[in-house]
Amino acid sequence: MSKEMITYKILILGDSTVGKTAFIVRFCEGRFEEDSLTTIGLDSKVKFISRQEKKIQLQIWDTAGQERFRSLSKNYYKGADGILLMYDISNYESFKHIKNWITDIKNNIGVPMEKLALIVIGNKSDLPDDKRKVDKNDIETFQNTHGLKIIEASAKIDKNVNESMIALIDKMIELGVGKIKKGDEDEDDNRKLSIKKNTKKKGDCCGGGDKKKKENN
């Protein structure tokens, strides 16, 4: 029997190799991929959950972080209900670029920022202290400047992955965003969305072949 549910479109943004794909796989499939291919263009997964007595479909869009794919990602900002903005705690440049991503969001989202659920995640928090490049002072300064809380997480050891997503979902519910739809899917049916995906074969406009890179944690 068809059931009414709320559908949320979520983007996960951030520089390449900060761990966006590993984070999504951990949340949707409960596993960790030590080595994952760098996302080319866009990929996506669907997750069904129940929260606050509501049946929810999450459409989670994994975007390429490389500069040459930024224009492709911009086409998919509009219609987003929530955004996970990620950096790598062992890569200070990825943290510095968060402010650039926020500017991109403001310029392309198509709705006031107060109508958008946005969570900032510092990924790879399982790394030892000698690998950390973003310290508590950096985090505190960012939070005070932008009014956004940072949640440190690790896809590798499954730390604060679900908690980050729940915080985002609760914010979307609070804002009253999303779309009501009818669906027959089960909550455990985490199928990939059937969307256009650029696999970048030889001769394509982007040129070259795919290279396997680590997007750990």
N, C-alpha and C. Protein backbone atom coordinates (compact mmCIF):
# COMPACT_ATOMS: atom_id res chain seq x y z
N MET A 1 0.85 -1.19 0.00
CA MET A 1 0.00 0.00 0.00
C MET A 1 0.89 1.24 0.00
N SER A 2 0.48 2.20 -0.80
CA SER A 2 1.25 3.44 -0.90
C SER A 2 1.16 4.24 0.39
N LYS A 3 2.27 4.81 0.82
CA LYS A 3 2.31 5.61 2.03
C LYS A 3 2.82 7.01 1.72
N GLU A 4 2.29 7.99 2.46
CA GLU A 4 2.76 9.35 2.29
C GLU A 4 4.10 9.52 2.99
N MET A 5 5.01 10.20 2.34
CA MET A 5 6.31 10.46 2.95
C MET A 5 6.82 11.83 2.53
N ILE A 6 7.78 12.31 3.31
CA ILE A 6 8.46 13.56 2.98
C ILE A 6 9.76 13.22 2.28
N THR A 7 10.01 13.88 1.17
CA THR A 7 11.25 13.69 0.43
C THR A 7 12.15 14.90 0.62
N TYR A 8 13.39 14.64 1.03
CA TYR A 8 14.38 15.70 1.19
C TYR A 8 15.54 15.48 0.21
N LYS A 9 15.92 16.55 -0.45
CA LYS A 9 17.11 16.51 -1.30
C LYS A 9 18.28 17.08 -0.50
N ILE A 10 19.33 16.26 -0.35
CA ILE A 10 20.50 16.65 0.43
C ILE A 10 21.73 16.62 -0.46
N LEU A 11 22.53 17.68 -0.40
CA LEU A 11 23.82 17.71 -1.08
C LEU A 11 24.93 17.55 -0.04
N ILE A 12 25.96 16.81 -0.40
CA ILE A 12 27.15 16.75 0.44
C ILE A 12 28.29 17.39 -0.36
N LEU A 13 28.81 18.49 0.18
CA LEU A 13 29.78 19.32 -0.53
C LEU A 13 31.10 19.39 0.22
N GLY A 14 32.14 19.76 -0.48
CA GLY A 14 33.46 19.91 0.11
C GLY A 14 34.52 19.54 -0.90
N ASP A 15 35.77 19.83 -0.57
CA ASP A 15 36.88 19.55 -1.47
C ASP A 15 37.00 18.05 -1.74
N SER A 16 37.71 17.74 -2.80
CA SER A 16 37.99 16.34 -3.13
C SER A 16 38.82 15.69 -2.03
N THR A 17 38.55 14.42 -1.76
CA THR A 17 39.28 13.54 -0.83
C THR A 17 39.02 13.85 0.65
N VAL A 18 38.02 14.67 0.97
CA VAL A 18 37.73 14.91 2.39
C VAL A 18 36.92 13.76 3.00
N GLY A 19 36.39 12.87 2.15
CA GLY A 19 35.68 11.70 2.65
C GLY A 19 34.18 11.71 2.44
N LYS A 20 33.70 12.48 1.48
CA LYS A 20 32.25 12.61 1.26
C LYS A 20 31.61 11.28 0.89
N THR A 21 32.22 10.57 -0.06
CA THR A 21 31.65 9.29 -0.50
C THR A 21 31.67 8.26 0.62
N ALA A 22 32.78 8.19 1.35
CA ALA A 22 32.88 7.24 2.46
C ALA A 22 31.83 7.54 3.53
N PHE A 23 31.56 8.82 3.75
CA PHE A 23 30.56 9.23 4.74
C PHE A 23 29.17 8.75 4.32
N ILE A 24 28.83 8.93 3.05
CA ILE A 24 27.52 8.52 2.54
C ILE A 24 27.37 7.00 2.60
N VAL A 25 28.42 6.29 2.19
CA VAL A 25 28.36 4.82 2.22
C VAL A 25 28.18 4.33 3.65
N ARG A 26 28.89 4.94 4.59
CA ARG A 26 28.75 4.54 5.99
C ARG A 26 27.31 4.77 6.47
N PHE A 27 26.73 5.93 6.14
CA PHE A 27 25.38 6.24 6.60
C PHE A 27 24.34 5.35 5.92
N CYS A 28 24.44 5.17 4.62
CA CYS A 28 23.41 4.45 3.87
C CYS A 28 23.57 2.94 3.95
N GLU A 29 24.80 2.45 4.02
CA GLU A 29 25.04 1.01 3.92
C GLU A 29 25.72 0.42 5.15
N GLY A 30 26.13 1.27 6.09
CA GLY A 30 26.72 0.79 7.32
C GLY A 30 28.08 0.14 7.17
N ARG A 31 28.82 0.54 6.16
CA ARG A 31 30.15 -0.02 5.95
C ARG A 31 31.13 1.09 5.57
N PHE A 32 32.41 0.77 5.65
CA PHE A 32 33.45 1.75 5.32
C PHE A 32 34.30 1.24 4.18
N GLU A 33 34.51 2.10 3.18
CA GLU A 33 35.37 1.77 2.06
C GLU A 33 36.72 2.46 2.27
N GLU A 34 37.77 1.66 2.49
CA GLU A 34 39.10 2.22 2.72
C GLU A 34 39.59 2.99 1.50
N ASP A 35 39.39 2.42 0.33
CA ASP A 35 39.76 3.06 -0.93
C ASP A 35 38.52 3.23 -1.77
N SER A 36 38.20 4.46 -2.10
CA SER A 36 37.02 4.69 -2.96
C SER A 36 37.42 5.58 -4.11
N LEU A 37 36.80 5.34 -5.25
CA LEU A 37 37.07 6.14 -6.44
C LEU A 37 36.58 7.56 -6.23
N THR A 38 37.37 8.52 -6.70
CA THR A 38 36.95 9.92 -6.63
C THR A 38 35.68 10.09 -7.45
N THR A 39 34.69 10.76 -6.87
CA THR A 39 33.43 10.98 -7.56
C THR A 39 33.64 11.87 -8.78
N ILE A 40 33.09 11.45 -9.91
CA ILE A 40 33.16 12.23 -11.14
C ILE A 40 31.77 12.76 -11.43
N GLY A 41 31.61 14.09 -11.38
CA GLY A 41 30.30 14.67 -11.59
C GLY A 41 29.43 14.49 -10.37
N LEU A 42 28.37 13.68 -10.48
CA LEU A 42 27.44 13.47 -9.38
C LEU A 42 27.06 12.01 -9.27
N ASP A 43 26.87 11.57 -8.05
CA ASP A 43 26.32 10.25 -7.77
C ASP A 43 25.33 10.43 -6.63
N SER A 44 24.52 9.42 -6.37
CA SER A 44 23.46 9.62 -5.40
C SER A 44 22.97 8.31 -4.81
N LYS A 45 22.48 8.40 -3.60
CA LYS A 45 21.85 7.26 -2.94
C LYS A 45 20.53 7.70 -2.31
N VAL A 46 19.66 6.70 -2.09
CA VAL A 46 18.39 6.95 -1.41
C VAL A 46 18.39 6.19 -0.09
N LYS A 47 17.90 6.85 0.95
CA LYS A 47 17.79 6.22 2.27
C LYS A 47 16.40 6.52 2.82
N PHE A 48 15.73 5.49 3.33
CA PHE A 48 14.41 5.65 3.94
C PHE A 48 14.54 5.51 5.44
N ILE A 49 14.00 6.46 6.18
CA ILE A 49 14.05 6.42 7.63
C ILE A 49 12.72 6.91 8.21
N SER A 50 12.53 6.72 9.50
CA SER A 50 11.42 7.32 10.23
C SER A 50 12.02 8.25 11.29
N ARG A 51 11.45 9.44 11.41
CA ARG A 51 11.94 10.42 12.37
C ARG A 51 10.79 11.32 12.77
N GLN A 52 10.64 11.54 14.05
CA GLN A 52 9.56 12.38 14.59
C GLN A 52 8.20 11.93 14.04
N GLU A 53 8.00 10.62 14.01
CA GLU A 53 6.76 10.00 13.54
C GLU A 53 6.45 10.33 12.08
N LYS A 54 7.50 10.60 11.32
CA LYS A 54 7.35 10.89 9.90
C LYS A 54 8.15 9.88 9.10
N LYS A 55 7.57 9.43 7.98
CA LYS A 55 8.29 8.56 7.05
C LYS A 55 9.03 9.46 6.07
N ILE A 56 10.33 9.26 5.95
CA ILE A 56 11.18 10.19 5.21
C ILE A 56 12.01 9.46 4.17
N GLN A 57 12.08 10.06 2.99
CA GLN A 57 12.99 9.60 1.94
C GLN A 57 14.09 10.64 1.78
N LEU A 58 15.33 10.20 1.96
CA LEU A 58 16.48 11.08 1.77
C LEU A 58 17.10 10.80 0.41
N GLN A 59 17.20 11.81 -0.41
CA GLN A 59 17.91 11.72 -1.69
C GLN A 59 19.24 12.44 -1.48
N ILE A 60 20.31 11.67 -1.31
CA ILE A 60 21.61 12.23 -0.94
C ILE A 60 22.51 12.28 -2.16
N TRP A 61 22.91 13.47 -2.55
CA TRP A 61 23.69 13.69 -3.76
C TRP A 61 25.15 13.92 -3.40
N ASP A 62 26.01 13.05 -3.90
CA ASP A 62 27.46 13.14 -3.68
C ASP A 62 28.06 13.89 -4.86
N THR A 63 28.75 14.98 -4.57
CA THR A 63 29.26 15.84 -5.63
C THR A 63 30.78 15.80 -5.71
N ALA A 64 31.30 16.02 -6.91
CA ALA A 64 32.74 16.08 -7.10
C ALA A 64 33.28 17.35 -6.47
N GLY A 65 34.41 17.26 -5.79
CA GLY A 65 34.99 18.43 -5.14
C GLY A 65 36.00 19.17 -5.99
N GLN A 66 36.41 18.56 -7.12
CA GLN A 66 37.44 19.19 -7.93
C GLN A 66 36.91 20.46 -8.57
N GLU A 67 37.76 21.46 -8.69
CA GLU A 67 37.37 22.77 -9.23
C GLU A 67 36.76 22.65 -10.62
N ARG A 68 37.27 21.74 -11.44
CA ARG A 68 36.78 21.65 -12.82
C ARG A 68 35.36 21.12 -12.89
N PHE A 69 34.85 20.52 -11.80
CA PHE A 69 33.48 20.02 -11.78
C PHE A 69 32.53 20.92 -11.00
N ARG A 70 33.02 22.07 -10.51
CA ARG A 70 32.18 22.93 -9.69
C ARG A 70 30.97 23.45 -10.47
N SER A 71 31.18 23.78 -11.76
CA SER A 71 30.07 24.30 -12.56
C SER A 71 28.98 23.24 -12.73
N LEU A 72 29.37 21.97 -12.80
CA LEU A 72 28.39 20.88 -12.90
C LEU A 72 27.58 20.81 -11.62
N SER A 73 28.24 20.92 -10.49
CA SER A 73 27.55 20.84 -9.21
C SER A 73 26.54 21.97 -9.04
N LYS A 74 26.88 23.16 -9.54
CA LYS A 74 26.02 24.32 -9.36
C LYS A 74 24.63 24.11 -9.95
N ASN A 75 24.54 23.29 -10.99
CA ASN A 75 23.24 23.01 -11.59
C ASN A 75 22.30 22.30 -10.64
N TYR A 76 22.84 21.71 -9.59
CA TYR A 76 22.05 20.88 -8.68
C TYR A 76 21.84 21.51 -7.31
N TYR A 77 22.29 22.75 -7.13
CA TYR A 77 22.04 23.44 -5.88
C TYR A 77 20.54 23.68 -5.67
N LYS A 78 19.90 24.17 -6.71
CA LYS A 78 18.49 24.54 -6.60
C LYS A 78 17.64 23.32 -6.26
N GLY A 79 16.75 23.51 -5.32
CA GLY A 79 15.88 22.42 -4.89
C GLY A 79 16.43 21.65 -3.71
N ALA A 80 17.66 21.98 -3.28
CA ALA A 80 18.23 21.28 -2.12
C ALA A 80 17.55 21.77 -0.85
N ASP A 81 17.21 20.83 0.02
CA ASP A 81 16.61 21.15 1.31
C ASP A 81 17.65 21.19 2.43
N GLY A 82 18.74 20.46 2.25
CA GLY A 82 19.77 20.40 3.27
C GLY A 82 21.13 20.17 2.64
N ILE A 83 22.16 20.66 3.32
CA ILE A 83 23.53 20.50 2.83
C ILE A 83 24.45 20.07 3.96
N LEU A 84 25.25 19.04 3.69
CA LEU A 84 26.36 18.67 4.56
C LEU A 84 27.62 19.22 3.92
N LEU A 85 28.30 20.11 4.61
CA LEU A 85 29.51 20.76 4.09
C LEU A 85 30.70 20.20 4.86
N MET A 86 31.61 19.54 4.16
CA MET A 86 32.63 18.74 4.82
C MET A 86 34.05 19.20 4.52
N TYR A 87 34.89 19.12 5.56
CA TYR A 87 36.33 19.28 5.39
C TYR A 87 37.04 18.14 6.10
N ASP A 88 38.34 18.05 5.89
CA ASP A 88 39.18 17.01 6.48
C ASP A 88 40.03 17.66 7.57
N ILE A 89 39.94 17.18 8.81
CA ILE A 89 40.66 17.81 9.91
C ILE A 89 42.18 17.75 9.73
N SER A 90 42.66 16.88 8.85
CA SER A 90 44.10 16.77 8.60
C SER A 90 44.53 17.57 7.37
N ASN A 91 43.60 18.32 6.78
CA ASN A 91 43.88 19.11 5.58
C ASN A 91 43.37 20.54 5.80
N TYR A 92 44.27 21.43 6.20
CA TYR A 92 43.84 22.78 6.55
C TYR A 92 43.26 23.53 5.35
N GLU A 93 43.77 23.25 4.16
CA GLU A 93 43.25 23.92 2.97
C GLU A 93 41.77 23.60 2.77
N SER A 94 41.38 22.35 3.03
CA SER A 94 39.97 21.98 2.87
C SER A 94 39.10 22.73 3.87
N PHE A 95 39.66 23.03 5.04
CA PHE A 95 38.94 23.82 6.05
C PHE A 95 38.84 25.28 5.60
N LYS A 96 39.92 25.84 5.08
CA LYS A 96 39.90 27.22 4.59
C LYS A 96 38.88 27.39 3.47
N HIS A 97 38.72 26.37 2.65
CA HIS A 97 37.82 26.46 1.50
C HIS A 97 36.35 26.40 1.89
N ILE A 98 36.05 26.07 3.14
CA ILE A 98 34.65 26.01 3.57
C ILE A 98 33.96 27.36 3.33
N LYS A 99 34.65 28.45 3.61
CA LYS A 99 34.04 29.77 3.40
C LYS A 99 33.73 30.01 1.91
N ASN A 100 34.56 29.45 1.01
CA ASN A 100 34.28 29.57 -0.42
C ASN A 100 33.06 28.75 -0.81
N TRP A 101 32.93 27.57 -0.21
CA TRP A 101 31.74 26.75 -0.46
C TRP A 101 30.49 27.46 0.04
N ILE A 102 30.58 28.12 1.18
CA ILE A 102 29.42 28.85 1.71
C ILE A 102 29.02 29.96 0.75
N THR A 103 30.01 30.65 0.18
CA THR A 103 29.72 31.69 -0.82
C THR A 103 29.03 31.10 -2.03
N ASP A 104 29.52 29.94 -2.51
CA ASP A 104 28.88 29.26 -3.64
C ASP A 104 27.43 28.91 -3.33
N ILE A 105 27.21 28.42 -2.12
CA ILE A 105 25.85 28.05 -1.71
C ILE A 105 24.94 29.29 -1.73
N LYS A 106 25.40 30.38 -1.14
CA LYS A 106 24.60 31.60 -1.09
C LYS A 106 24.26 32.10 -2.49
N ASN A 107 25.21 31.96 -3.41
CA ASN A 107 25.02 32.48 -4.76
C ASN A 107 24.15 31.59 -5.64
N ASN A 108 23.98 30.32 -5.26
CA ASN A 108 23.33 29.38 -6.17
C ASN A 108 22.13 28.64 -5.60
N ILE A 109 21.90 28.73 -4.31
CA ILE A 109 20.85 27.90 -3.72
C ILE A 109 19.45 28.34 -4.11
N GLY A 110 19.26 29.64 -4.35
CA GLY A 110 17.96 30.12 -4.81
C GLY A 110 16.94 30.37 -3.72
N VAL A 111 17.32 30.19 -2.45
CA VAL A 111 16.44 30.49 -1.32
C VAL A 111 17.28 31.19 -0.26
N PRO A 112 16.64 31.94 0.64
CA PRO A 112 17.40 32.56 1.74
C PRO A 112 18.12 31.49 2.56
N MET A 113 19.30 31.82 3.05
CA MET A 113 20.08 30.85 3.81
C MET A 113 19.35 30.37 5.05
N GLU A 114 18.50 31.22 5.62
CA GLU A 114 17.75 30.81 6.81
C GLU A 114 16.69 29.76 6.50
N LYS A 115 16.43 29.52 5.22
CA LYS A 115 15.48 28.48 4.81
C LYS A 115 16.19 27.19 4.40
N LEU A 116 17.50 27.16 4.62
CA LEU A 116 18.30 26.00 4.24
C LEU A 116 18.92 25.38 5.48
N ALA A 117 18.79 24.06 5.61
CA ALA A 117 19.45 23.34 6.69
C ALA A 117 20.90 23.08 6.27
N LEU A 118 21.84 23.55 7.08
CA LEU A 118 23.26 23.43 6.73
C LEU A 118 24.05 22.96 7.95
N ILE A 119 24.78 21.87 7.77
CA ILE A 119 25.62 21.32 8.83
C ILE A 119 27.06 21.24 8.30
N VAL A 120 28.02 21.70 9.10
CA VAL A 120 29.44 21.60 8.74
C VAL A 120 30.07 20.45 9.50
N ILE A 121 30.79 19.59 8.77
CA ILE A 121 31.37 18.38 9.36
C ILE A 121 32.89 18.39 9.17
N GLY A 122 33.62 18.18 10.27
CA GLY A 122 35.06 17.95 10.20
C GLY A 122 35.29 16.45 10.21
N ASN A 123 35.58 15.89 9.05
CA ASN A 123 35.70 14.43 8.93
C ASN A 123 37.11 13.95 9.29
N LYS A 124 37.23 12.65 9.53
CA LYS A 124 38.47 11.96 9.87
C LYS A 124 38.93 12.28 11.29
N SER A 125 37.99 12.43 12.20
CA SER A 125 38.33 12.76 13.59
C SER A 125 39.00 11.61 14.32
N ASP A 126 39.07 10.43 13.69
CA ASP A 126 39.76 9.29 14.31
C ASP A 126 41.27 9.41 14.20
N LEU A 127 41.76 10.33 13.37
CA LEU A 127 43.20 10.46 13.17
C LEU A 127 43.90 10.93 14.45
N PRO A 128 45.15 10.51 14.66
CA PRO A 128 45.88 10.94 15.86
C PRO A 128 46.13 12.44 15.86
N ASP A 129 46.41 12.99 17.05
CA ASP A 129 46.58 14.44 17.20
C ASP A 129 47.69 14.99 16.33
N ASP A 130 48.74 14.21 16.08
CA ASP A 130 49.84 14.73 15.28
C ASP A 130 49.48 14.88 13.80
N LYS A 131 48.33 14.33 13.39
CA LYS A 131 47.85 14.48 12.02
C LYS A 131 46.87 15.65 11.88
N ARG A 132 46.37 16.13 12.99
CA ARG A 132 45.36 17.20 12.99
C ARG A 132 45.97 18.53 12.57
N LYS A 133 45.28 19.21 11.65
CA LYS A 133 45.71 20.53 11.20
C LYS A 133 44.71 21.63 11.54
N VAL A 134 43.50 21.22 11.93
CA VAL A 134 42.46 22.18 12.31
C VAL A 134 42.23 22.03 13.81
N ASP A 135 42.60 23.05 14.58
CA ASP A 135 42.52 22.92 16.04
C ASP A 135 41.25 23.58 16.60
N LYS A 136 41.11 23.54 17.90
CA LYS A 136 39.90 24.05 18.56
C LYS A 136 39.74 25.55 18.36
N ASN A 137 40.84 26.29 18.31
CA ASN A 137 40.75 27.73 18.09
C ASN A 137 40.22 28.05 16.70
N ASP A 138 40.66 27.28 15.71
CA ASP A 138 40.16 27.45 14.34
C ASP A 138 38.65 27.22 14.30
N ILE A 139 38.22 26.15 14.98
CA ILE A 139 36.80 25.80 14.99
C ILE A 139 35.97 26.87 15.69
N GLU A 140 36.45 27.33 16.83
CA GLU A 140 35.72 28.34 17.59
C GLU A 140 35.59 29.64 16.81
N THR A 141 36.69 30.05 16.16
CA THR A 141 36.66 31.27 15.34
C THR A 141 35.67 31.15 14.20
N PHE A 142 35.67 29.99 13.53
CA PHE A 142 34.74 29.77 12.42
C PHE A 142 33.29 29.82 12.91
N GLN A 143 33.01 29.14 13.99
CA GLN A 143 31.63 29.08 14.50
C GLN A 143 31.14 30.47 14.90
N ASN A 144 31.99 31.27 15.52
CA ASN A 144 31.60 32.62 15.93
C ASN A 144 31.41 33.53 14.73
N THR A 145 32.22 33.33 13.69
CA THR A 145 32.16 34.18 12.50
C THR A 145 30.94 33.87 11.65
N HIS A 146 30.66 32.59 11.46
CA HIS A 146 29.61 32.19 10.52
C HIS A 146 28.31 31.75 11.19
N GLY A 147 28.33 31.61 12.50
CA GLY A 147 27.11 31.18 13.19
C GLY A 147 26.71 29.77 12.84
N LEU A 148 27.67 28.94 12.49
CA LEU A 148 27.41 27.55 12.12
C LEU A 148 28.21 26.64 13.04
N LYS A 149 27.55 25.63 13.58
CA LYS A 149 28.24 24.68 14.44
C LYS A 149 28.95 23.63 13.62
N ILE A 150 30.15 23.26 14.05
CA ILE A 150 30.92 22.20 13.41
C ILE A 150 30.79 20.91 14.22
N ILE A 151 30.49 19.82 13.53
CA ILE A 151 30.45 18.49 14.16
C ILE A 151 31.62 17.69 13.63
N GLU A 152 32.49 17.23 14.51
CA GLU A 152 33.57 16.37 14.06
C GLU A 152 33.09 14.92 14.01
N ALA A 153 33.46 14.25 12.92
CA ALA A 153 32.95 12.90 12.67
C ALA A 153 34.03 12.04 12.03
N SER A 154 33.76 10.75 11.97
CA SER A 154 34.64 9.82 11.27
C SER A 154 33.82 8.72 10.63
N ALA A 155 33.88 8.67 9.30
CA ALA A 155 33.22 7.57 8.60
C ALA A 155 33.91 6.25 8.90
N LYS A 156 35.20 6.29 9.15
CA LYS A 156 35.98 5.06 9.36
C LYS A 156 35.53 4.32 10.62
N ILE A 157 35.39 5.03 11.74
CA ILE A 157 35.00 4.37 12.99
C ILE A 157 33.53 4.63 13.33
N ASP A 158 32.80 5.18 12.37
CA ASP A 158 31.36 5.43 12.54
C ASP A 158 31.09 6.34 13.75
N LYS A 159 31.80 7.45 13.81
CA LYS A 159 31.62 8.42 14.88
C LYS A 159 30.85 9.63 14.37
N ASN A 160 29.70 9.90 14.98
CA ASN A 160 28.87 11.08 14.67
C ASN A 160 28.36 11.12 13.24
N VAL A 161 28.35 9.98 12.55
CA VAL A 161 27.80 9.96 11.19
C VAL A 161 26.27 10.06 11.27
N ASN A 162 25.64 9.13 11.98
CA ASN A 162 24.18 9.19 12.14
C ASN A 162 23.76 10.46 12.86
N GLU A 163 24.54 10.86 13.87
CA GLU A 163 24.20 12.05 14.64
C GLU A 163 24.19 13.30 13.76
N SER A 164 25.14 13.39 12.84
CA SER A 164 25.19 14.53 11.91
C SER A 164 23.96 14.55 11.01
N MET A 165 23.61 13.38 10.51
CA MET A 165 22.45 13.30 9.62
C MET A 165 21.16 13.60 10.38
N ILE A 166 21.05 13.11 11.60
CA ILE A 166 19.85 13.38 12.40
C ILE A 166 19.71 14.88 12.67
N ALA A 167 20.84 15.54 12.97
CA ALA A 167 20.81 16.98 13.20
C ALA A 167 20.32 17.71 11.96
N LEU A 168 20.75 17.25 10.79
CA LEU A 168 20.32 17.88 9.53
C LEU A 168 18.83 17.62 9.29
N ILE A 169 18.40 16.37 9.51
CA ILE A 169 17.00 16.02 9.29
C ILE A 169 16.08 16.81 10.22
N ASP A 170 16.47 16.90 11.50
CA ASP A 170 15.65 17.66 12.45
C ASP A 170 15.54 19.12 12.05
N LYS A 171 16.63 19.67 11.50
CA LYS A 171 16.61 21.06 11.04
C LYS A 171 15.67 21.22 9.85
N MET A 172 15.68 20.26 8.93
CA MET A 172 14.79 20.33 7.77
C MET A 172 13.33 20.22 8.21
N ILE A 173 13.07 19.34 9.16
CA ILE A 173 11.70 19.21 9.68
C ILE A 173 11.28 20.53 10.33
N GLU A 174 12.17 21.11 11.11
CA GLU A 174 11.88 22.38 11.79
C GLU A 174 11.58 23.50 10.79
N LEU A 175 12.30 23.52 9.66
CA LEU A 175 12.11 24.55 8.65
C LEU A 175 10.87 24.31 7.79
N GLY A 176 10.35 23.09 7.83
CA GLY A 176 9.16 22.77 7.04
C GLY A 176 9.43 22.65 5.55
N VAL A 177 10.67 22.27 5.20
CA VAL A 177 11.01 22.11 3.79
C VAL A 177 10.72 20.68 3.35
N GLY A 178 11.07 20.36 2.11
CA GLY A 178 10.83 19.02 1.59
C GLY A 178 9.55 18.95 0.78
N LYS A 179 9.33 17.80 0.17
CA LYS A 179 8.16 17.58 -0.66
C LYS A 179 7.40 16.35 -0.17
N ILE A 180 6.09 16.44 -0.20
CA ILE A 180 5.24 15.30 0.16
C ILE A 180 5.02 14.46 -1.09
N LYS A 181 5.24 13.16 -0.96
CA LYS A 181 5.03 12.29 -2.12
C LYS A 181 4.45 10.97 -1.64
N LYS A 182 3.96 10.19 -2.59
CA LYS A 182 3.48 8.85 -2.34
C LYS A 182 4.57 7.87 -2.72
N GLY A 183 4.77 6.82 -1.93
CA GLY A 183 5.79 5.85 -2.25
C GLY A 183 5.45 4.48 -1.72
N ASP A 184 5.97 3.45 -2.38
CA ASP A 184 5.75 2.07 -1.96
C ASP A 184 7.02 1.43 -1.42
N GLU A 185 8.10 2.22 -1.34
CA GLU A 185 9.39 1.66 -0.98
C GLU A 185 9.44 1.31 0.49
N ASP A 186 10.23 0.28 0.83
CA ASP A 186 10.50 -0.07 2.20
C ASP A 186 11.63 0.79 2.73
N GLU A 187 11.69 0.93 4.04
CA GLU A 187 12.72 1.76 4.65
C GLU A 187 14.11 1.24 4.40
N ASP A 188 14.28 -0.07 4.22
CA ASP A 188 15.60 -0.64 4.04
C ASP A 188 16.03 -0.67 2.58
N ASP A 189 15.18 -0.16 1.69
CA ASP A 189 15.50 -0.18 0.26
C ASP A 189 16.33 1.04 -0.07
N ASN A 190 17.65 0.93 0.07
CA ASN A 190 18.53 2.06 -0.16
C ASN A 190 19.13 1.99 -1.56
N ARG A 191 18.26 2.07 -2.53
CA ARG A 191 18.71 1.96 -3.91
C ARG A 191 19.34 3.25 -4.39
N LYS A 192 20.23 3.12 -5.37
CA LYS A 192 20.78 4.31 -5.98
C LYS A 192 19.71 4.96 -6.85
N LEU A 193 19.70 6.28 -6.87
CA LEU A 193 18.80 6.99 -7.77
C LEU A 193 19.23 6.74 -9.21
N SER A 194 18.26 6.65 -10.07
CA SER A 194 18.57 6.51 -11.49
C SER A 194 18.73 7.90 -12.07
N ILE A 195 19.96 8.43 -12.01
CA ILE A 195 20.21 9.78 -12.51
C ILE A 195 21.41 9.73 -13.44
N LYS A 196 21.58 10.78 -14.20
CA LYS A 196 22.72 10.87 -15.10
C LYS A 196 24.00 10.97 -14.31
N LYS A 197 24.97 10.16 -14.66
CA LYS A 197 26.26 10.17 -13.97
C LYS A 197 27.37 10.20 -15.00
N ASN A 198 28.30 11.14 -14.84
CA ASN A 198 29.41 11.27 -15.75
C ASN A 198 30.52 10.31 -15.35
N THR A 199 30.77 9.28 -16.17
CA THR A 199 31.81 8.30 -15.86
C THR A 199 33.14 8.66 -16.52
N LYS A 200 33.14 9.73 -17.30
CA LYS A 200 34.34 10.29 -17.90
C LYS A 200 35.18 9.26 -18.63
N LYS A 201 34.65 8.78 -19.76
CA LYS A 201 35.38 7.85 -20.59
C LYS A 201 36.34 8.62 -21.50
N LYS A 202 37.29 7.89 -22.05
CA LYS A 202 38.25 8.51 -22.96
C LYS A 202 37.53 9.14 -24.12
N GLY A 203 37.89 10.42 -24.40
CA GLY A 203 37.24 11.12 -25.49
C GLY A 203 36.12 12.02 -25.03
N ASP A 204 35.70 11.91 -23.77
CA ASP A 204 34.67 12.80 -23.26
C ASP A 204 35.23 14.21 -23.13
N CYS A 205 34.33 15.16 -22.91
CA CYS A 205 34.74 16.55 -22.86
C CYS A 205 35.72 16.82 -21.73
N CYS A 206 35.64 16.06 -20.66
CA CYS A 206 36.53 16.28 -19.53
C CYS A 206 37.90 15.67 -19.77
N GLY A 207 37.98 14.71 -20.69
CA GLY A 207 39.25 14.15 -21.11
C GLY A 207 39.86 13.18 -20.12
N GLY A 208 40.71 12.28 -20.62
CA GLY A 208 41.47 11.39 -19.77
C GLY A 208 40.66 10.27 -19.19
N GLY A 209 41.30 9.42 -18.42
CA GLY A 209 40.64 8.31 -17.75
C GLY A 209 40.56 8.55 -16.28
N ASP A 210 39.71 7.81 -15.61
CA ASP A 210 39.57 7.95 -14.16
C ASP A 210 40.84 7.48 -13.47
N LYS A 211 41.19 8.15 -12.40
CA LYS A 211 42.28 7.72 -11.53
C LYS A 211 41.73 7.39 -10.18
N LYS A 212 42.13 6.30 -9.62
CA LYS A 212 41.65 5.90 -8.30
C LYS A 212 42.41 6.66 -7.23
N LYS A 213 41.66 7.35 -6.39
CA LYS A 213 42.26 8.10 -5.30
C LYS A 213 41.60 7.68 -4.00
N LYS A 214 42.33 7.83 -2.90
CA LYS A 214 41.77 7.52 -1.60
C LYS A 214 40.93 8.68 -1.13
N GLU A 215 39.72 8.37 -0.68
CA GLU A 215 38.88 9.34 -0.01
C GLU A 215 38.55 8.75 1.34
N ASN A 216 39.56 8.59 2.17
CA ASN A 216 39.45 7.84 3.41
C ASN A 216 38.59 8.54 4.43
N ASN A 217 38.07 7.69 5.37
CA ASN A 217 37.32 8.13 6.55
C ASN A 217 36.09 8.89 6.15
